[in-house]
Structures are given as C-alpha cells and as structure tokens.
Protein backbone atom coordinates (compact mmCIF):
# COMPACT_ATOMS: atom_id res chain seq x y z
CA UNK A 1 107.29 107.68 59.68
CA UNK A 2 104.70 108.09 62.72
CA UNK A 3 102.05 105.87 63.95
CA UNK A 4 99.30 106.54 66.42
CA UNK A 5 97.69 103.71 68.27
CA UNK A 6 93.86 103.83 69.01
CA UNK A 7 92.76 101.70 71.93
CA UNK A 8 90.10 101.72 74.47
CA UNK A 9 91.12 102.28 78.00
CA UNK A 10 90.84 98.71 79.18
CA UNK A 11 92.47 97.09 76.13
CA UNK A 12 96.05 96.62 77.77
CA UNK A 13 94.39 93.99 80.21
CA UNK A 14 91.73 92.80 77.85
CA UNK A 15 93.78 92.67 74.64
CA UNK A 16 97.28 91.80 76.02
CA UNK A 17 98.15 89.77 72.84
CA UNK A 18 97.57 93.00 70.95
CA UNK A 19 100.00 95.19 73.36
CA UNK A 20 102.90 92.55 73.46
CA UNK A 21 102.78 92.39 69.63
CA UNK A 22 103.01 96.01 69.16
CA UNK A 23 105.46 96.44 71.91
CA UNK A 24 107.80 94.14 70.41
CA UNK A 25 107.35 95.82 67.03
CA UNK A 26 108.15 99.19 68.38
CA UNK A 27 111.18 98.04 70.30
CA UNK A 28 112.25 96.68 66.73
CA UNK A 29 111.47 99.33 64.59
CA UNK A 30 113.40 102.52 65.88
CA UNK A 31 112.70 104.13 62.40
CA UNK A 32 108.99 104.18 63.16
CA UNK A 33 107.86 106.77 65.85
CA UNK A 34 104.86 104.98 67.50
CA UNK A 35 102.55 107.59 69.59
CA UNK A 36 100.80 105.44 72.46
CA UNK A 37 98.27 108.21 73.91
CA UNK A 38 97.64 108.38 77.54
CA UNK A 39 94.21 107.56 78.78
CA UNK A 40 93.80 110.16 81.15
CA UNK A 41 92.63 113.40 80.45
CA UNK A 42 94.20 114.65 77.33
CA UNK A 43 93.66 117.98 75.53
CA UNK A 44 91.56 117.54 72.63
CA UNK A 45 93.99 119.82 70.73
CA UNK A 46 96.93 117.83 71.61
CA UNK A 47 95.26 114.30 70.42
CA UNK A 48 94.10 116.23 67.25
CA UNK A 49 97.81 117.49 66.34
CA UNK A 50 98.83 113.73 66.76
CA UNK A 51 96.57 112.41 64.73
CA UNK A 52 96.99 114.79 61.94
CA UNK A 53 100.97 114.18 62.27
CA UNK A 54 100.34 110.57 62.13
CA UNK A 55 101.23 108.53 58.65
CA UNK A 56 99.04 105.63 60.00
CA UNK A 57 96.72 104.61 62.63
CA UNK A 58 96.71 101.32 63.94
CA UNK A 59 93.39 100.52 66.27
CA UNK A 60 92.27 97.56 68.47
CA UNK A 61 88.64 97.58 67.72
CA UNK A 62 87.68 94.25 69.84
CA UNK A 63 86.23 96.02 73.12
CA UNK A 64 83.49 98.90 72.05
CA UNK A 65 85.18 102.43 73.32
CA UNK A 66 83.68 105.79 72.79
CA UNK A 67 87.00 107.52 72.93
CA UNK A 68 88.58 104.90 70.13
CA UNK A 69 85.35 105.82 68.10
CA UNK A 70 86.06 109.30 68.24
CA UNK A 71 89.41 108.81 67.64
CA UNK A 72 88.60 106.66 64.38
CA UNK A 73 86.16 109.02 63.31
CA UNK A 74 88.92 112.12 63.22
CA UNK A 75 91.15 109.70 61.51
CA UNK A 76 88.28 109.09 58.80
CA UNK A 77 87.74 112.78 58.36
CA UNK A 78 91.47 113.37 57.95
CA UNK A 79 91.58 110.76 55.17
CA UNK A 80 94.07 108.66 57.39
CA UNK A 81 94.86 105.28 56.79
CA UNK A 82 93.43 103.33 59.63
CA UNK A 83 94.71 99.32 60.26
CA UNK A 84 92.25 97.63 62.78
CA UNK A 85 92.80 94.59 64.69
CA UNK A 86 90.41 92.38 66.58
CA UNK A 87 90.64 89.21 68.33
CA UNK A 88 89.14 86.50 66.35
CA UNK A 89 86.46 85.64 69.37
CA UNK A 90 85.36 89.22 69.47
CA UNK A 91 82.20 90.87 67.62
CA UNK A 92 82.77 94.25 66.59
CA UNK A 93 80.57 96.93 65.73
CA UNK A 94 79.62 97.37 62.03
CA UNK A 95 80.55 101.06 61.98
CA UNK A 96 84.01 100.30 62.26
CA UNK A 97 83.99 99.06 58.67
CA UNK A 98 83.08 102.62 57.70
CA UNK A 99 86.12 104.10 59.61
CA UNK A 100 88.96 101.61 58.79
CA UNK A 101 91.19 100.66 55.28
CA UNK A 102 91.60 97.29 56.53
CA UNK A 103 90.51 95.19 59.54
CA UNK A 104 92.44 92.16 60.60
CA UNK A 105 91.42 89.01 62.96
CA UNK A 106 94.06 87.82 65.36
CA UNK A 107 94.82 85.08 67.78
CA UNK A 108 97.98 85.35 68.60
CA UNK A 109 100.96 87.71 68.51
CA UNK A 110 102.50 86.18 65.16
CA UNK A 111 99.31 87.37 63.22
CA UNK A 112 99.71 90.74 64.10
CA UNK A 113 103.40 90.83 63.63
CA UNK A 114 102.61 89.60 60.07
CA UNK A 115 100.59 92.33 59.11
CA UNK A 116 103.12 95.27 60.95
CA UNK A 117 105.70 93.63 58.75
CA UNK A 118 104.14 94.44 55.70
CA UNK A 119 103.52 98.02 56.55
CA UNK A 120 106.91 99.05 58.10
C-alpha cells in the first residue's frame, strides 16, 4: 500500500503533533510505503506520478497552502481517497470539504493514531 502525505511547507514546525504521529506510524508499519514529498522545487510530472500511484492521500489542512490545495485538487480529479486532519484550534477553508473523503480533528498524537490504525 502506498500513502502520499500532503502538507504545507511550514507544517512540520506549525503542526508538530501531526508529524510526530505520522512518523511513528510510518516506523511501526513497514508494510505501508509513505511518500513524504520534498518541499523544494519538484518536477510536477514526478509529483503527479506519485499521486497517481498512491492508494491513499493523508493531508494536514490546518494551514492554508497553495501547494497542498493543488495536490488535493489533483487527488480529487484522480478520484483518490483523501483523509484530512486539522488541529482542533484551527479554522480551515470551506473548499477543503469538497476535496476530502473524511476530515478529522486532532488535539493529540493519539487522535491521529486512532484514525491511521483503522486505515492500515
């Protein structure tokens, strides 16, 4: 199984709970290939190929991001399942609800881990 992680470029610093939970999940589940896309300049064709091959898209949507919005739009066009997470204290764009299959609120790593376990 292949998962693609979509996140804003500043998210590792602004939403560390999400990243700690996902990195722990990645470590514990060798049977799932998790694609952590780089946030530097990446050839769009390469990103498209990764998205096409993904079985599932996991997105952090607490922070507005043009790049993440493009990735979610592509995933929507490809009819991919998108499981999105946002911090309970954040206000998210109404457009997110159009592109995602499910939206989960989190306050702690355990909130994310519970959802990920149901997907594994």
